[in-house]
Amino acid sequence: MQEERLRVMHGERLGRLGRLRIGCSALIFDEAREKVLLTRREDNGQWCLPGGGMEPGESVAENCAREVREETGLQVRLTRLLGVYSDPDRLVEYADGNRFQMVVLSFEAQVVGGELGLSDETTAYGWFTPEEALALDLLDQHAERIRDALASQAEAFIR
């Protein structure tokens, strides 16, 4: 059985028990815009959008593109901001004891190069219809990001 190295907790203003962490996620659609790319995480086996934490000295665009490249092998161009997610009632705890309230920017991205493959962070990938994606064991908040991307709202969601 795989050891879970990531735990998500929910509770009123639980985020104050952690530090802030900025991250990005990417929604990558197939050419027909009928399916979205998801990866399965190595650390907990859940499906998710490609993405991860920002490193000092990089922009959010660089962060998102780097995470997609590291996790999928694809090179992307960000096309629009879909939403900003900063739930103060959510706390992410890693096996090393670090706790974070995440601030995540979610972008739509277009593939411009690279070759889709696995990484040391991913054990599988696949293209899924929205219905198929939402039926999977998705990482916390990723279902909301997928639904928001499909809402066809011109403005970014602020949650």
Foldseek 3Di string as FASTA:
>chain_A
DADAFKDKAFDVLPQVVAAEWEKEFEWEAPPVNFWTKWFQFPRHRAIAGFMDTDDPPDDRQVRHQVRCCQAFFFGKDFDAWAAWDFDSRMWMAGNVGHIHRYTYIYTYIYTDDTHTDGHPGGDDMDIGGLVRNLPTRHDPPRNVSSVSVPPPDPDHYYD
